[in-house]
Amino acid sequence: MKKVTFILIGLCLIGLPVFSQAQTGNMSLGIGLETGVPSGDLSNASSFGIGGLAVGSYDVDQNLAVNVKIGYLRFSGKDNAGSLGIIPILAGVKYFLTPKLETTSMRVYAAGDVGLYSASPEGGNSSTKFGVSPILGARFEAGSNMDVDLHVNYTTVFTDVSSTSWMGVGVGLVFGLK
């Protein structure tokens, strides 16, 4: 697993020059509140999860963006099971399905994130696994340089013996950098 961690960190470092070249407002930063309802085997030991994410994004063109994310999500335990903290470190792409028009302030998108999920059960050893998260969402213009983002996602973390997955809903603010 250490090799996967080093490979992902290397890919992020290689991608930093691409993000740093944007001087024309093609970059944005976002923060958001995330929730999660466990499914699969995770629902046997955990109930509702809540946390947050920070997102950096670069617009490749008008409809396509690449992003990096880091966050924290805590699932409360049930039936005497301890809580579970998860730190996602992700990279992804977002494709806007609707064009940017002056007549509407909403844009619908489909996205996908891949990366590492570091899970730390209460009173147990932490582990880091690879996972994926397809996303469907919408962005609403809330000002000249700010959008509100609403989305749903289904995250699956590939574990050895059980399924770690959840349905998520998130809301956040995205600030364009100019």
N, C-alpha and C. Protein backbone atom coordinates (compact mmCIF):
# COMPACT_ATOMS: atom_id res chain seq x y z
N MET A 1 0.81 -1.19 0.00
CA MET A 1 0.00 0.00 0.00
C MET A 1 0.86 1.26 0.00
N LYS A 2 2.09 1.15 0.54
CA LYS A 2 2.98 2.32 0.53
C LYS A 2 3.32 2.73 -0.89
N LYS A 3 3.45 1.75 -1.81
CA LYS A 3 3.75 2.09 -3.20
C LYS A 3 2.61 2.90 -3.80
N VAL A 4 1.37 2.50 -3.54
CA VAL A 4 0.21 3.22 -4.07
C VAL A 4 0.19 4.64 -3.53
N THR A 5 0.49 4.81 -2.25
CA THR A 5 0.52 6.13 -1.64
C THR A 5 1.57 7.01 -2.32
N PHE A 6 2.76 6.48 -2.53
CA PHE A 6 3.81 7.25 -3.18
C PHE A 6 3.47 7.58 -4.63
N ILE A 7 2.84 6.66 -5.33
CA ILE A 7 2.44 6.91 -6.72
C ILE A 7 1.41 8.03 -6.77
N LEU A 8 0.40 8.00 -5.89
CA LEU A 8 -0.62 9.05 -5.89
C LEU A 8 -0.03 10.41 -5.52
N ILE A 9 0.85 10.45 -4.54
CA ILE A 9 1.51 11.71 -4.17
C ILE A 9 2.35 12.22 -5.34
N GLY A 10 3.04 11.33 -6.02
CA GLY A 10 3.82 11.71 -7.19
C GLY A 10 2.97 12.30 -8.30
N LEU A 11 1.82 11.68 -8.57
CA LEU A 11 0.92 12.21 -9.60
C LEU A 11 0.41 13.59 -9.23
N CYS A 12 0.10 13.80 -7.96
CA CYS A 12 -0.36 15.12 -7.51
C CYS A 12 0.75 16.16 -7.70
N LEU A 13 2.00 15.80 -7.37
CA LEU A 13 3.11 16.74 -7.52
C LEU A 13 3.39 17.05 -8.98
N ILE A 14 3.25 16.05 -9.85
CA ILE A 14 3.43 16.27 -11.28
C ILE A 14 2.35 17.23 -11.80
N GLY A 15 1.13 17.11 -11.27
CA GLY A 15 0.02 17.95 -11.72
C GLY A 15 0.07 19.37 -11.21
N LEU A 16 0.87 19.66 -10.18
CA LEU A 16 0.92 21.01 -9.62
C LEU A 16 1.34 22.08 -10.64
N PRO A 17 2.31 21.84 -11.53
CA PRO A 17 2.64 22.87 -12.51
C PRO A 17 1.47 23.23 -13.41
N VAL A 18 0.62 22.27 -13.74
CA VAL A 18 -0.56 22.56 -14.55
C VAL A 18 -1.46 23.55 -13.81
N PHE A 19 -1.68 23.31 -12.51
CA PHE A 19 -2.53 24.20 -11.73
C PHE A 19 -1.89 25.57 -11.57
N SER A 20 -0.57 25.64 -11.41
CA SER A 20 0.08 26.91 -11.15
C SER A 20 0.15 27.79 -12.38
N GLN A 21 -0.03 27.25 -13.59
CA GLN A 21 0.04 28.05 -14.80
C GLN A 21 -1.21 28.89 -15.02
N ALA A 22 -2.28 28.61 -14.33
CA ALA A 22 -3.53 29.33 -14.55
C ALA A 22 -3.43 30.72 -13.94
N GLN A 23 -3.37 31.74 -14.78
CA GLN A 23 -3.31 33.11 -14.33
C GLN A 23 -4.56 33.87 -14.75
N THR A 24 -5.49 33.21 -15.42
CA THR A 24 -6.62 33.92 -16.01
C THR A 24 -7.94 33.61 -15.33
N GLY A 25 -7.92 33.10 -14.11
CA GLY A 25 -9.17 32.81 -13.42
C GLY A 25 -9.72 31.43 -13.70
N ASN A 26 -8.92 30.55 -14.29
CA ASN A 26 -9.38 29.20 -14.60
C ASN A 26 -9.26 28.26 -13.41
N MET A 27 -8.87 28.78 -12.28
CA MET A 27 -8.75 27.95 -11.08
C MET A 27 -9.83 28.36 -10.10
N SER A 28 -10.20 27.40 -9.24
CA SER A 28 -11.15 27.71 -8.18
C SER A 28 -10.80 26.88 -6.95
N LEU A 29 -11.21 27.39 -5.82
CA LEU A 29 -11.08 26.69 -4.55
C LEU A 29 -12.47 26.57 -3.95
N GLY A 30 -12.73 25.43 -3.31
CA GLY A 30 -14.03 25.22 -2.71
C GLY A 30 -13.94 24.54 -1.37
N ILE A 31 -14.95 24.76 -0.57
CA ILE A 31 -15.10 24.07 0.71
C ILE A 31 -16.53 23.56 0.77
N GLY A 32 -16.73 22.46 1.47
CA GLY A 32 -18.07 21.93 1.51
C GLY A 32 -18.33 21.00 2.67
N LEU A 33 -19.59 20.84 2.95
CA LEU A 33 -20.09 19.92 3.95
C LEU A 33 -20.51 18.64 3.25
N GLU A 34 -20.06 17.50 3.76
CA GLU A 34 -20.38 16.20 3.18
C GLU A 34 -21.10 15.34 4.21
N THR A 35 -22.06 14.57 3.75
CA THR A 35 -22.74 13.60 4.60
C THR A 35 -22.66 12.24 3.92
N GLY A 36 -22.85 11.18 4.70
CA GLY A 36 -22.80 9.85 4.13
C GLY A 36 -23.71 8.89 4.86
N VAL A 37 -24.42 8.07 4.10
CA VAL A 37 -25.26 7.01 4.65
C VAL A 37 -24.63 5.69 4.23
N PRO A 38 -24.10 4.91 5.19
CA PRO A 38 -23.39 3.68 4.85
C PRO A 38 -24.28 2.66 4.13
N SER A 39 -23.64 1.89 3.26
CA SER A 39 -24.31 0.76 2.62
C SER A 39 -23.37 -0.44 2.70
N GLY A 40 -23.85 -1.59 2.30
CA GLY A 40 -23.02 -2.79 2.37
C GLY A 40 -22.65 -3.13 3.80
N ASP A 41 -21.48 -3.72 3.97
CA ASP A 41 -21.03 -4.13 5.30
C ASP A 41 -20.78 -2.96 6.23
N LEU A 42 -20.47 -1.80 5.70
CA LEU A 42 -20.25 -0.62 6.54
C LEU A 42 -21.51 -0.26 7.33
N SER A 43 -22.68 -0.53 6.77
CA SER A 43 -23.93 -0.19 7.46
C SER A 43 -24.18 -1.08 8.68
N ASN A 44 -23.49 -2.22 8.79
CA ASN A 44 -23.65 -3.08 9.97
C ASN A 44 -23.02 -2.48 11.21
N ALA A 45 -21.96 -1.69 11.05
CA ALA A 45 -21.23 -1.16 12.20
C ALA A 45 -21.35 0.36 12.34
N SER A 46 -21.78 1.04 11.28
CA SER A 46 -21.81 2.50 11.30
C SER A 46 -23.17 3.01 10.88
N SER A 47 -23.48 4.21 11.40
CA SER A 47 -24.69 4.87 10.95
C SER A 47 -24.28 6.10 10.15
N PHE A 48 -24.87 7.20 10.37
CA PHE A 48 -24.69 8.42 9.61
C PHE A 48 -23.26 8.98 9.71
N GLY A 49 -22.75 9.53 8.61
CA GLY A 49 -21.44 10.16 8.61
C GLY A 49 -21.54 11.62 8.21
N ILE A 50 -20.65 12.45 8.74
CA ILE A 50 -20.63 13.87 8.40
C ILE A 50 -19.19 14.36 8.42
N GLY A 51 -18.89 15.33 7.55
CA GLY A 51 -17.54 15.87 7.48
C GLY A 51 -17.46 16.99 6.48
N GLY A 52 -16.26 17.21 5.97
CA GLY A 52 -16.06 18.30 5.02
C GLY A 52 -14.94 17.99 4.05
N LEU A 53 -14.91 18.77 2.97
CA LEU A 53 -13.90 18.63 1.92
C LEU A 53 -13.37 20.00 1.52
N ALA A 54 -12.12 20.04 1.10
CA ALA A 54 -11.54 21.19 0.43
C ALA A 54 -11.18 20.74 -0.99
N VAL A 55 -11.46 21.58 -1.98
CA VAL A 55 -11.29 21.21 -3.38
C VAL A 55 -10.52 22.30 -4.11
N GLY A 56 -9.55 21.89 -4.91
CA GLY A 56 -8.89 22.78 -5.85
C GLY A 56 -9.20 22.30 -7.25
N SER A 57 -9.57 23.21 -8.14
CA SER A 57 -10.02 22.81 -9.46
C SER A 57 -9.39 23.69 -10.54
N TYR A 58 -9.14 23.09 -11.69
CA TYR A 58 -8.60 23.81 -12.85
C TYR A 58 -9.49 23.50 -14.04
N ASP A 59 -10.00 24.56 -14.70
CA ASP A 59 -10.84 24.39 -15.88
C ASP A 59 -9.98 24.16 -17.11
N VAL A 60 -10.06 22.96 -17.66
CA VAL A 60 -9.33 22.64 -18.88
C VAL A 60 -9.94 23.38 -20.05
N ASP A 61 -11.26 23.40 -20.11
CA ASP A 61 -12.01 24.22 -21.07
C ASP A 61 -13.33 24.58 -20.42
N GLN A 62 -14.28 25.08 -21.19
CA GLN A 62 -15.54 25.57 -20.64
C GLN A 62 -16.38 24.46 -19.99
N ASN A 63 -16.20 23.22 -20.43
CA ASN A 63 -17.03 22.13 -19.91
C ASN A 63 -16.27 21.08 -19.12
N LEU A 64 -14.96 21.13 -19.06
CA LEU A 64 -14.17 20.09 -18.43
C LEU A 64 -13.22 20.69 -17.39
N ALA A 65 -13.20 20.08 -16.21
CA ALA A 65 -12.31 20.53 -15.14
C ALA A 65 -11.65 19.32 -14.49
N VAL A 66 -10.44 19.52 -13.99
CA VAL A 66 -9.76 18.51 -13.18
C VAL A 66 -9.64 19.06 -11.77
N ASN A 67 -9.64 18.17 -10.79
CA ASN A 67 -9.61 18.66 -9.41
C ASN A 67 -8.81 17.73 -8.50
N VAL A 68 -8.45 18.27 -7.36
CA VAL A 68 -7.87 17.51 -6.26
C VAL A 68 -8.68 17.84 -5.01
N LYS A 69 -8.85 16.85 -4.14
CA LYS A 69 -9.67 17.02 -2.94
C LYS A 69 -8.99 16.37 -1.74
N ILE A 70 -9.23 16.95 -0.60
CA ILE A 70 -8.84 16.34 0.66
C ILE A 70 -9.94 16.67 1.67
N GLY A 71 -10.22 15.74 2.55
CA GLY A 71 -11.31 15.98 3.50
C GLY A 71 -11.25 15.07 4.70
N TYR A 72 -12.34 15.08 5.42
CA TYR A 72 -12.49 14.23 6.60
C TYR A 72 -13.97 13.90 6.75
N LEU A 73 -14.27 12.64 7.02
CA LEU A 73 -15.64 12.18 7.22
C LEU A 73 -15.65 11.24 8.41
N ARG A 74 -16.55 11.47 9.37
CA ARG A 74 -16.64 10.62 10.56
C ARG A 74 -18.01 9.94 10.57
N PHE A 75 -17.97 8.59 10.60
CA PHE A 75 -19.18 7.79 10.73
C PHE A 75 -19.34 7.38 12.18
N SER A 76 -20.52 7.65 12.74
CA SER A 76 -20.77 7.23 14.12
C SER A 76 -21.03 5.73 14.16
N GLY A 77 -20.58 5.11 15.23
CA GLY A 77 -20.76 3.66 15.38
C GLY A 77 -22.13 3.33 15.92
N LYS A 78 -22.55 2.09 15.69
CA LYS A 78 -23.81 1.64 16.26
C LYS A 78 -23.62 0.30 16.95
N ASP A 79 -24.48 0.00 17.91
CA ASP A 79 -24.43 -1.25 18.66
C ASP A 79 -23.05 -1.48 19.29
N ASN A 80 -22.58 -0.50 20.04
CA ASN A 80 -21.30 -0.55 20.76
C ASN A 80 -20.07 -0.56 19.85
N ALA A 81 -20.25 -0.36 18.58
CA ALA A 81 -19.11 -0.24 17.68
C ALA A 81 -18.59 1.19 17.76
N GLY A 82 -17.29 1.36 17.68
CA GLY A 82 -16.70 2.69 17.72
C GLY A 82 -16.92 3.44 16.41
N SER A 83 -16.67 4.73 16.46
CA SER A 83 -16.81 5.54 15.26
C SER A 83 -15.66 5.26 14.29
N LEU A 84 -15.83 5.70 13.07
CA LEU A 84 -14.86 5.47 12.01
C LEU A 84 -14.56 6.81 11.34
N GLY A 85 -13.29 7.21 11.35
CA GLY A 85 -12.88 8.42 10.65
C GLY A 85 -12.22 8.07 9.33
N ILE A 86 -12.57 8.80 8.27
CA ILE A 86 -12.02 8.54 6.94
C ILE A 86 -11.47 9.84 6.37
N ILE A 87 -10.24 9.78 5.88
CA ILE A 87 -9.60 10.92 5.22
C ILE A 87 -9.43 10.57 3.74
N PRO A 88 -10.22 11.19 2.86
CA PRO A 88 -10.01 10.96 1.43
C PRO A 88 -8.98 11.94 0.84
N ILE A 89 -8.11 11.41 -0.01
CA ILE A 89 -7.17 12.22 -0.79
C ILE A 89 -7.41 11.80 -2.24
N LEU A 90 -8.04 12.70 -3.03
CA LEU A 90 -8.60 12.30 -4.31
C LEU A 90 -8.16 13.20 -5.46
N ALA A 91 -8.23 12.66 -6.65
CA ALA A 91 -8.07 13.41 -7.89
C ALA A 91 -9.24 13.02 -8.78
N GLY A 92 -9.70 13.95 -9.60
CA GLY A 92 -10.85 13.61 -10.43
C GLY A 92 -11.05 14.55 -11.59
N VAL A 93 -12.10 14.25 -12.35
CA VAL A 93 -12.52 15.08 -13.47
C VAL A 93 -13.99 15.39 -13.32
N LYS A 94 -14.38 16.53 -13.87
CA LYS A 94 -15.78 16.97 -13.86
C LYS A 94 -16.13 17.44 -15.26
N TYR A 95 -17.26 16.93 -15.78
CA TYR A 95 -17.73 17.35 -17.10
C TYR A 95 -19.11 17.97 -16.95
N PHE A 96 -19.22 19.23 -17.39
CA PHE A 96 -20.50 19.93 -17.32
C PHE A 96 -21.38 19.47 -18.48
N LEU A 97 -22.56 18.96 -18.16
CA LEU A 97 -23.48 18.43 -19.15
C LEU A 97 -24.32 19.51 -19.80
N THR A 98 -24.41 20.66 -19.16
CA THR A 98 -25.16 21.79 -19.71
C THR A 98 -24.19 22.93 -20.00
N PRO A 99 -24.42 23.66 -21.08
CA PRO A 99 -23.50 24.75 -21.43
C PRO A 99 -23.65 25.95 -20.49
N LYS A 100 -22.61 26.76 -20.47
CA LYS A 100 -22.65 27.98 -19.68
C LYS A 100 -23.40 29.04 -20.49
N LEU A 101 -24.57 29.42 -20.00
CA LEU A 101 -25.42 30.38 -20.69
C LEU A 101 -25.63 31.61 -19.81
N GLU A 102 -25.87 32.73 -20.45
CA GLU A 102 -26.16 33.94 -19.70
C GLU A 102 -27.58 33.93 -19.14
N THR A 103 -28.44 33.10 -19.69
CA THR A 103 -29.85 33.08 -19.28
C THR A 103 -30.12 32.19 -18.08
N THR A 104 -29.17 31.36 -17.69
CA THR A 104 -29.38 30.49 -16.54
C THR A 104 -28.15 30.51 -15.64
N SER A 105 -28.39 30.34 -14.37
CA SER A 105 -27.28 30.35 -13.42
C SER A 105 -26.95 28.95 -12.93
N MET A 106 -27.57 27.91 -13.51
CA MET A 106 -27.33 26.53 -13.08
C MET A 106 -26.64 25.73 -14.18
N ARG A 107 -25.66 24.90 -13.75
CA ARG A 107 -25.00 23.97 -14.66
C ARG A 107 -24.97 22.59 -14.02
N VAL A 108 -25.43 21.58 -14.73
CA VAL A 108 -25.43 20.20 -14.26
C VAL A 108 -24.13 19.54 -14.71
N TYR A 109 -23.57 18.67 -13.82
CA TYR A 109 -22.33 18.01 -14.17
C TYR A 109 -22.32 16.56 -13.71
N ALA A 110 -21.45 15.79 -14.36
CA ALA A 110 -21.11 14.44 -13.93
C ALA A 110 -19.61 14.44 -13.65
N ALA A 111 -19.20 13.72 -12.62
CA ALA A 111 -17.79 13.73 -12.23
C ALA A 111 -17.40 12.36 -11.69
N GLY A 112 -16.12 12.18 -11.56
CA GLY A 112 -15.59 10.96 -10.96
C GLY A 112 -14.30 11.26 -10.23
N ASP A 113 -14.15 10.72 -9.04
CA ASP A 113 -12.94 10.88 -8.24
C ASP A 113 -12.34 9.51 -7.97
N VAL A 114 -11.03 9.45 -7.92
CA VAL A 114 -10.30 8.25 -7.52
C VAL A 114 -9.22 8.67 -6.55
N GLY A 115 -8.84 7.76 -5.67
CA GLY A 115 -7.76 8.10 -4.77
C GLY A 115 -7.70 7.20 -3.56
N LEU A 116 -7.05 7.72 -2.53
CA LEU A 116 -6.81 6.97 -1.31
C LEU A 116 -7.75 7.41 -0.21
N TYR A 117 -8.21 6.43 0.55
CA TYR A 117 -9.08 6.65 1.71
C TYR A 117 -8.38 6.04 2.92
N SER A 118 -7.99 6.90 3.85
CA SER A 118 -7.34 6.43 5.07
C SER A 118 -8.40 6.31 6.15
N ALA A 119 -8.66 5.08 6.59
CA ALA A 119 -9.71 4.81 7.58
C ALA A 119 -9.08 4.55 8.94
N SER A 120 -9.62 5.21 9.97
CA SER A 120 -9.12 5.05 11.34
C SER A 120 -10.29 4.70 12.25
N PRO A 121 -10.49 3.41 12.54
CA PRO A 121 -11.55 3.03 13.47
C PRO A 121 -11.16 3.41 14.90
N GLU A 122 -12.16 3.80 15.67
CA GLU A 122 -11.92 4.16 17.07
C GLU A 122 -11.34 2.96 17.80
N GLY A 123 -10.16 3.14 18.39
CA GLY A 123 -9.51 2.06 19.14
C GLY A 123 -8.84 1.02 18.28
N GLY A 124 -8.70 1.27 16.99
CA GLY A 124 -8.09 0.28 16.10
C GLY A 124 -6.97 0.87 15.27
N ASN A 125 -6.40 0.04 14.42
CA ASN A 125 -5.32 0.48 13.55
C ASN A 125 -5.89 1.08 12.28
N SER A 126 -5.23 2.13 11.79
CA SER A 126 -5.69 2.75 10.55
C SER A 126 -5.17 1.98 9.36
N SER A 127 -5.88 2.12 8.25
CA SER A 127 -5.46 1.49 7.00
C SER A 127 -5.81 2.42 5.86
N THR A 128 -5.07 2.30 4.76
CA THR A 128 -5.30 3.14 3.59
C THR A 128 -5.61 2.24 2.41
N LYS A 129 -6.72 2.53 1.74
CA LYS A 129 -7.16 1.72 0.60
C LYS A 129 -7.54 2.63 -0.56
N PHE A 130 -7.57 2.06 -1.75
CA PHE A 130 -7.96 2.76 -2.97
C PHE A 130 -9.48 2.76 -3.10
N GLY A 131 -10.05 3.85 -3.63
CA GLY A 131 -11.48 3.92 -3.81
C GLY A 131 -11.87 4.81 -4.98
N VAL A 132 -13.15 4.72 -5.35
CA VAL A 132 -13.71 5.51 -6.44
C VAL A 132 -15.02 6.14 -5.99
N SER A 133 -15.38 7.24 -6.65
CA SER A 133 -16.62 7.91 -6.30
C SER A 133 -17.21 8.62 -7.52
N PRO A 134 -18.23 8.04 -8.18
CA PRO A 134 -18.94 8.76 -9.23
C PRO A 134 -19.87 9.80 -8.59
N ILE A 135 -20.04 10.94 -9.28
CA ILE A 135 -20.76 12.07 -8.72
C ILE A 135 -21.70 12.66 -9.77
N LEU A 136 -22.87 13.10 -9.33
CA LEU A 136 -23.80 13.86 -10.16
C LEU A 136 -24.18 15.10 -9.38
N GLY A 137 -24.06 16.28 -10.00
CA GLY A 137 -24.32 17.49 -9.24
C GLY A 137 -24.74 18.66 -10.09
N ALA A 138 -24.89 19.79 -9.43
CA ALA A 138 -25.25 21.04 -10.09
C ALA A 138 -24.54 22.19 -9.38
N ARG A 139 -24.15 23.18 -10.17
CA ARG A 139 -23.55 24.40 -9.63
C ARG A 139 -24.48 25.56 -9.96
N PHE A 140 -24.67 26.42 -8.96
CA PHE A 140 -25.54 27.58 -9.09
C PHE A 140 -24.71 28.84 -8.86
N GLU A 141 -24.81 29.78 -9.78
CA GLU A 141 -24.09 31.03 -9.62
C GLU A 141 -24.68 31.80 -8.46
N ALA A 142 -23.82 32.21 -7.52
CA ALA A 142 -24.29 32.93 -6.34
C ALA A 142 -23.64 34.31 -6.24
N GLY A 143 -22.91 34.68 -7.23
CA GLY A 143 -22.22 35.97 -7.26
C GLY A 143 -21.28 35.99 -8.44
N SER A 144 -20.59 37.10 -8.61
CA SER A 144 -19.72 37.21 -9.78
C SER A 144 -18.54 36.25 -9.72
N ASN A 145 -18.16 35.83 -8.54
CA ASN A 145 -16.99 34.95 -8.41
C ASN A 145 -17.23 33.81 -7.42
N MET A 146 -18.52 33.43 -7.22
CA MET A 146 -18.85 32.38 -6.26
C MET A 146 -20.02 31.55 -6.78
N ASP A 147 -19.90 30.24 -6.60
CA ASP A 147 -20.98 29.31 -6.95
C ASP A 147 -21.33 28.47 -5.73
N VAL A 148 -22.57 27.98 -5.71
CA VAL A 148 -23.01 26.99 -4.73
C VAL A 148 -23.04 25.66 -5.46
N ASP A 149 -22.46 24.64 -4.85
CA ASP A 149 -22.38 23.31 -5.44
C ASP A 149 -23.23 22.34 -4.62
N LEU A 150 -24.13 21.62 -5.28
CA LEU A 150 -24.91 20.56 -4.66
C LEU A 150 -24.65 19.28 -5.44
N HIS A 151 -24.39 18.17 -4.72
CA HIS A 151 -24.11 16.93 -5.44
C HIS A 151 -24.48 15.70 -4.60
N VAL A 152 -24.61 14.58 -5.32
CA VAL A 152 -24.75 13.26 -4.69
C VAL A 152 -23.65 12.39 -5.27
N ASN A 153 -23.18 11.44 -4.45
CA ASN A 153 -22.13 10.53 -4.91
C ASN A 153 -22.32 9.16 -4.26
N TYR A 154 -21.68 8.17 -4.85
CA TYR A 154 -21.66 6.83 -4.27
C TYR A 154 -20.20 6.40 -4.20
N THR A 155 -19.65 6.33 -3.00
CA THR A 155 -18.24 6.02 -2.79
C THR A 155 -18.07 4.54 -2.47
N THR A 156 -17.11 3.92 -3.13
CA THR A 156 -16.72 2.54 -2.84
C THR A 156 -15.23 2.50 -2.58
N VAL A 157 -14.86 1.98 -1.41
CA VAL A 157 -13.47 1.79 -1.05
C VAL A 157 -13.19 0.30 -1.12
N PHE A 158 -12.18 -0.07 -1.88
CA PHE A 158 -11.87 -1.48 -2.11
C PHE A 158 -11.07 -2.03 -0.93
N THR A 159 -11.73 -2.86 -0.12
CA THR A 159 -11.11 -3.45 1.06
C THR A 159 -10.93 -4.95 0.84
N ASP A 160 -10.22 -5.58 1.76
CA ASP A 160 -9.87 -6.98 1.60
C ASP A 160 -11.05 -7.93 1.81
N VAL A 161 -11.83 -7.71 2.85
CA VAL A 161 -12.83 -8.72 3.22
C VAL A 161 -14.26 -8.20 3.23
N SER A 162 -14.48 -6.92 3.25
CA SER A 162 -15.84 -6.42 3.31
C SER A 162 -15.97 -5.19 2.42
N SER A 163 -17.20 -4.81 2.14
CA SER A 163 -17.41 -3.64 1.31
C SER A 163 -17.54 -2.40 2.19
N THR A 164 -16.80 -1.38 1.82
CA THR A 164 -16.89 -0.10 2.50
C THR A 164 -17.43 0.89 1.49
N SER A 165 -18.70 1.21 1.61
CA SER A 165 -19.32 2.11 0.64
C SER A 165 -20.40 2.93 1.33
N TRP A 166 -20.68 4.08 0.72
CA TRP A 166 -21.73 4.94 1.25
C TRP A 166 -22.27 5.85 0.16
N MET A 167 -23.53 6.26 0.36
CA MET A 167 -24.18 7.24 -0.50
C MET A 167 -23.98 8.58 0.17
N GLY A 168 -23.47 9.55 -0.56
CA GLY A 168 -23.17 10.85 0.01
C GLY A 168 -23.97 11.96 -0.63
N VAL A 169 -24.18 13.01 0.15
CA VAL A 169 -24.79 14.25 -0.32
C VAL A 169 -23.91 15.38 0.18
N GLY A 170 -23.63 16.33 -0.67
CA GLY A 170 -22.77 17.43 -0.27
C GLY A 170 -23.28 18.77 -0.76
N VAL A 171 -22.89 19.81 -0.04
CA VAL A 171 -23.18 21.18 -0.43
C VAL A 171 -21.93 21.99 -0.12
N GLY A 172 -21.58 22.91 -1.02
CA GLY A 172 -20.37 23.68 -0.79
C GLY A 172 -20.38 25.00 -1.53
N LEU A 173 -19.35 25.78 -1.26
CA LEU A 173 -19.13 27.05 -1.93
C LEU A 173 -17.86 26.93 -2.75
N VAL A 174 -17.90 27.46 -3.98
CA VAL A 174 -16.76 27.42 -4.88
C VAL A 174 -16.40 28.86 -5.23
N PHE A 175 -15.14 29.22 -5.01
CA PHE A 175 -14.67 30.58 -5.25
C PHE A 175 -13.70 30.58 -6.40
N GLY A 176 -14.01 31.36 -7.47
CA GLY A 176 -13.10 31.49 -8.58
C GLY A 176 -11.92 32.37 -8.22
N LEU A 177 -10.73 31.99 -8.71
CA LEU A 177 -9.53 32.77 -8.43
C LEU A 177 -9.18 33.58 -9.67
N LYS A 178 -9.06 34.87 -9.51
CA LYS A 178 -8.71 35.74 -10.65
C LYS A 178 -7.50 36.55 -10.31
